[in-house]
Amino acid sequence: MSQPHDEPIAEASPEEVAAERDERLDPDHRPQNAEVDNTDREFDAEKAMFTDAEGYDEAPAVFPPVEEQDT
């Protein structure tokens, strides 16, 4: 009887790897409670939202300026 580890591993082309990565990283495919890397995004502590978020420009400040907030 053949075991899964006895099968040769198929090599994926760079295009297949890139397509699979894009599919996995698509927000529509993200599982609930998944960790998300936001290190490349800028957070506005006064509006309590990221600057690239939908509705950011129209959103009011809900917290005082950062320099007036307790640390």
PDB file of N, CA and C in Angstrom:
ATOM      1  N   MET A   1       0.847  -1.189   0.000  1.00  0.00           N
ATOM      2  CA  MET A   1       0.000   0.000   0.000  1.00  0.00           C
ATOM      3  C   MET A   1       0.886   1.244   0.000  1.00  0.00           C
ATOM      4  N   SER A   2       0.552   2.180  -0.829  1.00  0.00           N
ATOM      5  CA  SER A   2       1.336   3.401  -0.972  1.00  0.00           C
ATOM      6  C   SER A   2       0.971   4.402   0.124  1.00  0.00           C
ATOM      7  N   GLN A   3       1.960   5.025   0.687  1.00  0.00           N
ATOM      8  CA  GLN A   3       1.764   6.062   1.699  1.00  0.00           C
ATOM      9  C   GLN A   3       1.923   7.429   1.029  1.00  0.00           C
ATOM     10  N   PRO A   4       1.248   8.458   1.556  1.00  0.00           N
ATOM     11  CA  PRO A   4       1.360   9.792   0.938  1.00  0.00           C
ATOM     12  C   PRO A   4       2.796  10.280   0.822  1.00  0.00           C
ATOM     13  N   HIS A   5       3.637   9.944   1.798  1.00  0.00           N
ATOM     14  CA  HIS A   5       5.017  10.429   1.748  1.00  0.00           C
ATOM     15  C   HIS A   5       5.861   9.672   0.731  1.00  0.00           C
ATOM     16  N   ASP A   6       5.318   8.589   0.157  1.00  0.00           N
ATOM     17  CA  ASP A   6       6.030   7.849  -0.879  1.00  0.00           C
ATOM     18  C   ASP A   6       5.861   8.489  -2.255  1.00  0.00           C
ATOM     19  N   GLU A   7       4.869   9.363  -2.391  1.00  0.00           N
ATOM     20  CA  GLU A   7       4.589  10.007  -3.669  1.00  0.00           C
ATOM     21  C   GLU A   7       5.601  11.135  -3.896  1.00  0.00           C
ATOM     22  N   PRO A   8       6.078  11.300  -5.109  1.00  0.00           N
ATOM     23  CA  PRO A   8       6.974  12.434  -5.373  1.00  0.00           C
ATOM     24  C   PRO A   8       6.201  13.752  -5.251  1.00  0.00           C
ATOM     25  N   ILE A   9       6.888  14.761  -4.786  1.00  0.00           N
ATOM     26  CA  ILE A   9       6.277  16.081  -4.628  1.00  0.00           C
ATOM     27  C   ILE A   9       6.335  16.795  -5.970  1.00  0.00           C
ATOM     28  N   ALA A  10       5.191  17.264  -6.422  1.00  0.00           N
ATOM     29  CA  ALA A  10       5.129  17.982  -7.698  1.00  0.00           C
ATOM     30  C   ALA A  10       5.661  19.398  -7.496  1.00  0.00           C
ATOM     31  N   GLU A  11       6.487  19.822  -8.411  1.00  0.00           N
ATOM     32  CA  GLU A  11       7.025  21.179  -8.357  1.00  0.00           C
ATOM     33  C   GLU A  11       6.030  22.134  -9.005  1.00  0.00           C
ATOM     34  N   ALA A  12       5.758  23.241  -8.350  1.00  0.00           N
ATOM     35  CA  ALA A  12       4.851  24.253  -8.888  1.00  0.00           C
ATOM     36  C   ALA A  12       5.666  25.311  -9.621  1.00  0.00           C
ATOM     37  N   SER A  13       5.098  25.827 -10.687  1.00  0.00           N
ATOM     38  CA  SER A  13       5.777  26.887 -11.431  1.00  0.00           C
ATOM     39  C   SER A  13       5.688  28.183 -10.628  1.00  0.00           C
ATOM     40  N   PRO A  14       6.584  29.124 -10.874  1.00  0.00           N
ATOM     41  CA  PRO A  14       6.503  30.413 -10.168  1.00  0.00           C
ATOM     42  C   PRO A  14       5.148  31.099 -10.367  1.00  0.00           C
ATOM     43  N   GLU A  15       4.558  30.938 -11.547  1.00  0.00           N
ATOM     44  CA  GLU A  15       3.243  31.532 -11.810  1.00  0.00           C
ATOM     45  C   GLU A  15       2.173  30.894 -10.930  1.00  0.00           C
ATOM     46  N   GLU A  16       2.244  29.553 -10.768  1.00  0.00           N
ATOM     47  CA  GLU A  16       1.276  28.853  -9.917  1.00  0.00           C
ATOM     48  C   GLU A  16       1.432  29.268  -8.460  1.00  0.00           C
ATOM     49  N   VAL A  17       2.669  29.412  -8.018  1.00  0.00           N
ATOM     50  CA  VAL A  17       2.932  29.834  -6.642  1.00  0.00           C
ATOM     51  C   VAL A  17       2.392  31.245  -6.418  1.00  0.00           C
ATOM     52  N   ALA A  18       2.642  32.148  -7.360  1.00  0.00           N
ATOM     53  CA  ALA A  18       2.164  33.528  -7.234  1.00  0.00           C
ATOM     54  C   ALA A  18       0.638  33.581  -7.228  1.00  0.00           C
ATOM     55  N   ALA A  19      -0.002  32.793  -8.085  1.00  0.00           N
ATOM     56  CA  ALA A  19      -1.470  32.776  -8.132  1.00  0.00           C
ATOM     57  C   ALA A  19      -2.046  32.235  -6.830  1.00  0.00           C
ATOM     58  N   GLU A  20      -1.443  31.175  -6.292  1.00  0.00           N
ATOM     59  CA  GLU A  20      -1.920  30.612  -5.026  1.00  0.00           C
ATOM     60  C   GLU A  20      -1.727  31.613  -3.892  1.00  0.00           C
ATOM     61  N   ARG A  21      -0.597  32.303  -3.883  1.00  0.00           N
ATOM     62  CA  ARG A  21      -0.330  33.301  -2.844  1.00  0.00           C
ATOM     63  C   ARG A  21      -1.357  34.430  -2.910  1.00  0.00           C
ATOM     64  N   ASP A  22      -1.616  34.930  -4.114  1.00  0.00           N
ATOM     65  CA  ASP A  22      -2.611  36.001  -4.276  1.00  0.00           C
ATOM     66  C   ASP A  22      -3.982  35.558  -3.774  1.00  0.00           C
ATOM     67  N   GLU A  23      -4.345  34.312  -4.072  1.00  0.00           N
ATOM     68  CA  GLU A  23      -5.644  33.797  -3.621  1.00  0.00           C
ATOM     69  C   GLU A  23      -5.690  33.690  -2.097  1.00  0.00           C
ATOM     70  N   ARG A  24      -4.608  33.195  -1.494  1.00  0.00           N
ATOM     71  CA  ARG A  24      -4.574  33.056  -0.031  1.00  0.00           C
ATOM     72  C   ARG A  24      -4.609  34.403   0.664  1.00  0.00           C
ATOM     73  N   LEU A  25      -3.973  35.414   0.081  1.00  0.00           N
ATOM     74  CA  LEU A  25      -3.894  36.722   0.717  1.00  0.00           C
ATOM     75  C   LEU A  25      -5.093  37.616   0.420  1.00  0.00           C
ATOM     76  N   ASP A  26      -5.966  37.198  -0.464  1.00  0.00           N
ATOM     77  CA  ASP A  26      -7.166  37.974  -0.780  1.00  0.00           C
ATOM     78  C   ASP A  26      -8.016  38.110   0.481  1.00  0.00           C
ATOM     79  N   PRO A  27      -8.365  39.336   0.891  1.00  0.00           N
ATOM     80  CA  PRO A  27      -9.167  39.517   2.107  1.00  0.00           C
ATOM     81  C   PRO A  27     -10.474  38.731   2.106  1.00  0.00           C
ATOM     82  N   ASP A  28     -11.036  38.456   0.923  1.00  0.00           N
ATOM     83  CA  ASP A  28     -12.274  37.675   0.863  1.00  0.00           C
ATOM     84  C   ASP A  28     -12.065  36.229   1.292  1.00  0.00           C
ATOM     85  N   HIS A  29     -10.824  35.750   1.266  1.00  0.00           N
ATOM     86  CA  HIS A  29     -10.519  34.371   1.649  1.00  0.00           C
ATOM     87  C   HIS A  29      -9.919  34.272   3.050  1.00  0.00           C
ATOM     88  N   ARG A  30      -9.794  35.402   3.732  1.00  0.00           N
ATOM     89  CA  ARG A  30      -9.162  35.419   5.049  1.00  0.00           C
ATOM     90  C   ARG A  30     -10.111  34.831   6.093  1.00  0.00           C
ATOM     91  N   PRO A  31      -9.637  33.879   6.892  1.00  0.00           N
ATOM     92  CA  PRO A  31     -10.495  33.318   7.942  1.00  0.00           C
ATOM     93  C   PRO A  31     -10.781  34.351   9.027  1.00  0.00           C
ATOM     94  N   GLN A  32     -11.898  34.166   9.725  1.00  0.00           N
ATOM     95  CA  GLN A  32     -12.220  35.057  10.836  1.00  0.00           C
ATOM     96  C   GLN A  32     -11.103  34.980  11.867  1.00  0.00           C
ATOM     97  N   ASN A  33     -10.837  36.089  12.531  1.00  0.00           N
ATOM     98  CA  ASN A  33      -9.839  36.191  13.595  1.00  0.00           C
ATOM     99  C   ASN A  33      -8.413  35.928  13.116  1.00  0.00           C
ATOM    100  N   ALA A  34      -8.166  36.031  11.820  1.00  0.00           N
ATOM    101  CA  ALA A  34      -6.815  35.839  11.300  1.00  0.00           C
ATOM    102  C   ALA A  34      -5.974  37.071  11.606  1.00  0.00           C
ATOM    103  N   GLU A  35      -4.706  36.842  11.904  1.00  0.00           N
ATOM    104  CA  GLU A  35      -3.810  37.971  12.138  1.00  0.00           C
ATOM    105  C   GLU A  35      -3.524  38.652  10.809  1.00  0.00           C
ATOM    106  N   VAL A  36      -3.471  39.963  10.835  1.00  0.00           N
ATOM    107  CA  VAL A  36      -3.230  40.738   9.628  1.00  0.00           C
ATOM    108  C   VAL A  36      -2.049  41.660   9.891  1.00  0.00           C
ATOM    109  N   ASP A  37      -1.132  41.737   8.943  1.00  0.00           N
ATOM    110  CA  ASP A  37       0.040  42.594   9.083  1.00  0.00           C
ATOM    111  C   ASP A  37      -0.298  43.991   8.568  1.00  0.00           C
ATOM    112  N   ASN A  38      -0.379  44.951   9.482  1.00  0.00           N
ATOM    113  CA  ASN A  38      -0.691  46.334   9.119  1.00  0.00           C
ATOM    114  C   ASN A  38       0.523  47.245   9.250  1.00  0.00           C
ATOM    115  N   THR A  39       1.719  46.686   9.247  1.00  0.00           N
ATOM    116  CA  THR A  39       2.910  47.496   9.474  1.00  0.00           C
ATOM    117  C   THR A  39       3.154  48.518   8.368  1.00  0.00           C
ATOM    118  N   ASP A  40       2.622  48.282   7.171  1.00  0.00           N
ATOM    119  CA  ASP A  40       2.819  49.236   6.075  1.00  0.00           C
ATOM    120  C   ASP A  40       1.722  50.289   6.019  1.00  0.00           C
ATOM    121  N   ARG A  41       0.796  50.246   6.959  1.00  0.00           N
ATOM    122  CA  ARG A  41      -0.326  51.189   6.961  1.00  0.00           C
ATOM    123  C   ARG A  41      -0.129  52.225   8.059  1.00  0.00           C
ATOM    124  N   GLU A  42      -0.704  53.414   7.850  1.00  0.00           N
ATOM    125  CA  GLU A  42      -0.600  54.486   8.844  1.00  0.00           C
ATOM    126  C   GLU A  42      -1.910  54.584   9.620  1.00  0.00           C
ATOM    127  N   PHE A  43      -1.811  54.564  10.954  1.00  0.00           N
ATOM    128  CA  PHE A  43      -2.985  54.623  11.816  1.00  0.00           C
ATOM    129  C   PHE A  43      -3.143  56.029  12.368  1.00  0.00           C
ATOM    130  N   ASP A  44      -4.354  56.565  12.298  1.00  0.00           N
ATOM    131  CA  ASP A  44      -4.675  57.883  12.845  1.00  0.00           C
ATOM    132  C   ASP A  44      -5.327  57.667  14.206  1.00  0.00           C
ATOM    133  N   ALA A  45      -4.603  57.981  15.275  1.00  0.00           N
ATOM    134  CA  ALA A  45      -5.099  57.742  16.634  1.00  0.00           C
ATOM    135  C   ALA A  45      -6.240  58.674  17.006  1.00  0.00           C
ATOM    136  N   GLU A  46      -6.370  59.808  16.338  1.00  0.00           N
ATOM    137  CA  GLU A  46      -7.473  60.729  16.625  1.00  0.00           C
ATOM    138  C   GLU A  46      -8.785  60.239  16.013  1.00  0.00           C
ATOM    139  N   LYS A  47      -8.703  59.668  14.816  1.00  0.00           N
ATOM    140  CA  LYS A  47      -9.901  59.141  14.158  1.00  0.00           C
ATOM    141  C   LYS A  47     -10.107  57.659  14.471  1.00  0.00           C
ATOM    142  N   ALA A  48      -9.103  57.038  15.067  1.00  0.00           N
ATOM    143  CA  ALA A  48      -9.147  55.615  15.425  1.00  0.00           C
ATOM    144  C   ALA A  48      -9.380  54.740  14.199  1.00  0.00           C
ATOM    145  N   MET A  49      -8.671  55.068  13.110  1.00  0.00           N
ATOM    146  CA  MET A  49      -8.777  54.259  11.900  1.00  0.00           C
ATOM    147  C   MET A  49      -7.535  54.459  11.041  1.00  0.00           C
ATOM    148  N   PHE A  50      -7.320  53.536  10.104  1.00  0.00           N
ATOM    149  CA  PHE A  50      -6.194  53.650   9.199  1.00  0.00           C
ATOM    150  C   PHE A  50      -6.487  54.732   8.160  1.00  0.00           C
ATOM    151  N   THR A  51      -5.428  55.429   7.735  1.00  0.00           N
ATOM    152  CA  THR A  51      -5.596  56.549   6.812  1.00  0.00           C
ATOM    153  C   THR A  51      -6.057  56.106   5.427  1.00  0.00           C
ATOM    154  N   ASP A  52      -5.886  54.828   5.096  1.00  0.00           N
ATOM    155  CA  ASP A  52      -6.338  54.335   3.791  1.00  0.00           C
ATOM    156  C   ASP A  52      -7.700  53.641   3.872  1.00  0.00           C
ATOM    157  N   ALA A  53      -8.360  53.734   5.027  1.00  0.00           N
ATOM    158  CA  ALA A  53      -9.663  53.086   5.203  1.00  0.00           C
ATOM    159  C   ALA A  53     -10.755  53.851   4.467  1.00  0.00           C
ATOM    160  N   GLU A  54     -11.760  53.110   4.033  1.00  0.00           N
ATOM    161  CA  GLU A  54     -12.908  53.728   3.374  1.00  0.00           C
ATOM    162  C   GLU A  54     -13.589  54.683   4.350  1.00  0.00           C
ATOM    163  N   GLY A  55     -13.842  55.901   3.913  1.00  0.00           N
ATOM    164  CA  GLY A  55     -14.510  56.891   4.748  1.00  0.00           C
ATOM    165  C   GLY A  55     -13.587  57.674   5.659  1.00  0.00           C
ATOM    166  N   TYR A  56     -12.281  57.460   5.554  1.00  0.00           N
ATOM    167  CA  TYR A  56     -11.325  58.146   6.430  1.00  0.00           C
ATOM    168  C   TYR A  56     -11.428  59.669   6.302  1.00  0.00           C
ATOM    169  N   ASP A  57     -11.468  60.163   5.068  1.00  0.00           N
ATOM    170  CA  ASP A  57     -11.468  61.618   4.851  1.00  0.00           C
ATOM    171  C   ASP A  57     -12.679  62.304   5.469  1.00  0.00           C
ATOM    172  N   GLU A  58     -13.809  61.612   5.518  1.00  0.00           N
ATOM    173  CA  GLU A  58     -15.033  62.201   6.059  1.00  0.00           C
ATOM    174  C   GLU A  58     -15.192  61.954   7.558  1.00  0.00           C
ATOM    175  N   ALA A  59     -14.403  61.065   8.115  1.00  0.00           N
ATOM    176  CA  ALA A  59     -14.577  60.672   9.518  1.00  0.00           C
ATOM    177  C   ALA A  59     -14.137  61.786  10.465  1.00  0.00           C
ATOM    178  N   PRO A  60     -14.909  61.999  11.523  1.00  0.00           N
ATOM    179  CA  PRO A  60     -14.514  63.010  12.514  1.00  0.00           C
ATOM    180  C   PRO A  60     -13.492  62.425  13.489  1.00  0.00           C
ATOM    181  N   ALA A  61     -12.753  63.289  14.136  1.00  0.00           N
ATOM    182  CA  ALA A  61     -11.843  62.843  15.197  1.00  0.00           C
ATOM    183  C   ALA A  61     -12.692  62.436  16.398  1.00  0.00           C
ATOM    184  N   VAL A  62     -12.417  61.268  16.945  1.00  0.00           N
ATOM    185  CA  VAL A  62     -13.182  60.787  18.099  1.00  0.00           C
ATOM    186  C   VAL A  62     -12.353  60.813  19.381  1.00  0.00           C
ATOM    187  N   PHE A  63     -11.067  61.091  19.237  1.00  0.00           N
ATOM    188  CA  PHE A  63     -10.168  61.188  20.384  1.00  0.00           C
ATOM    189  C   PHE A  63      -9.404  62.501  20.302  1.00  0.00           C
ATOM    190  N   PRO A  64      -8.907  63.001  21.428  1.00  0.00           N
ATOM    191  CA  PRO A  64      -8.119  64.243  21.398  1.00  0.00           C
ATOM    192  C   PRO A  64      -6.808  64.031  20.642  1.00  0.00           C
ATOM    193  N   PRO A  65      -6.140  65.120  20.267  1.00  0.00           N
ATOM    194  CA  PRO A  65      -4.845  64.987  19.590  1.00  0.00           C
ATOM    195  C   PRO A  65      -3.901  64.087  20.390  1.00  0.00           C
ATOM    196  N   VAL A  66      -3.048  63.386  19.691  1.00  0.00           N
ATOM    197  CA  VAL A  66      -2.153  62.405  20.315  1.00  0.00           C
ATOM    198  C   VAL A  66      -1.362  63.012  21.465  1.00  0.00           C
ATOM    199  N   GLU A  67      -0.868  64.225  21.291  1.00  0.00           N
ATOM    200  CA  GLU A  67      -0.049  64.840  22.344  1.00  0.00           C
ATOM    201  C   GLU A  67      -0.854  65.135  23.609  1.00  0.00           C
ATOM    202  N   GLU A  68      -2.180  65.157  23.513  1.00  0.00           N
ATOM    203  CA  GLU A  68      -3.030  65.390  24.685  1.00  0.00           C
ATOM    204  C   GLU A  68      -3.559  64.091  25.300  1.00  0.00           C
ATOM    205  N   GLN A  69      -3.317  62.973  24.639  1.00  0.00           N
ATOM    206  CA  GLN A  69      -3.803  61.689  25.148  1.00  0.00           C
ATOM    207  C   GLN A  69      -2.876  61.168  26.236  1.00  0.00           C
ATOM    208  N   ASP A  70      -3.459  60.449  27.198  1.00  0.00           N
ATOM    209  CA  ASP A  70      -2.650  59.800  28.232  1.00  0.00           C
ATOM    210  C   ASP A  70      -1.888  58.650  27.608  1.00  0.00           C
ATOM    211  N   THR A  71      -0.690  58.417  28.090  1.00  0.00           N
ATOM    212  CA  THR A  71       0.085  57.293  27.573  1.00  0.00           C
ATOM    213  C   THR A  71       0.096  56.149  28.538  1.00  0.00           C
TER     214      THR A  71
END
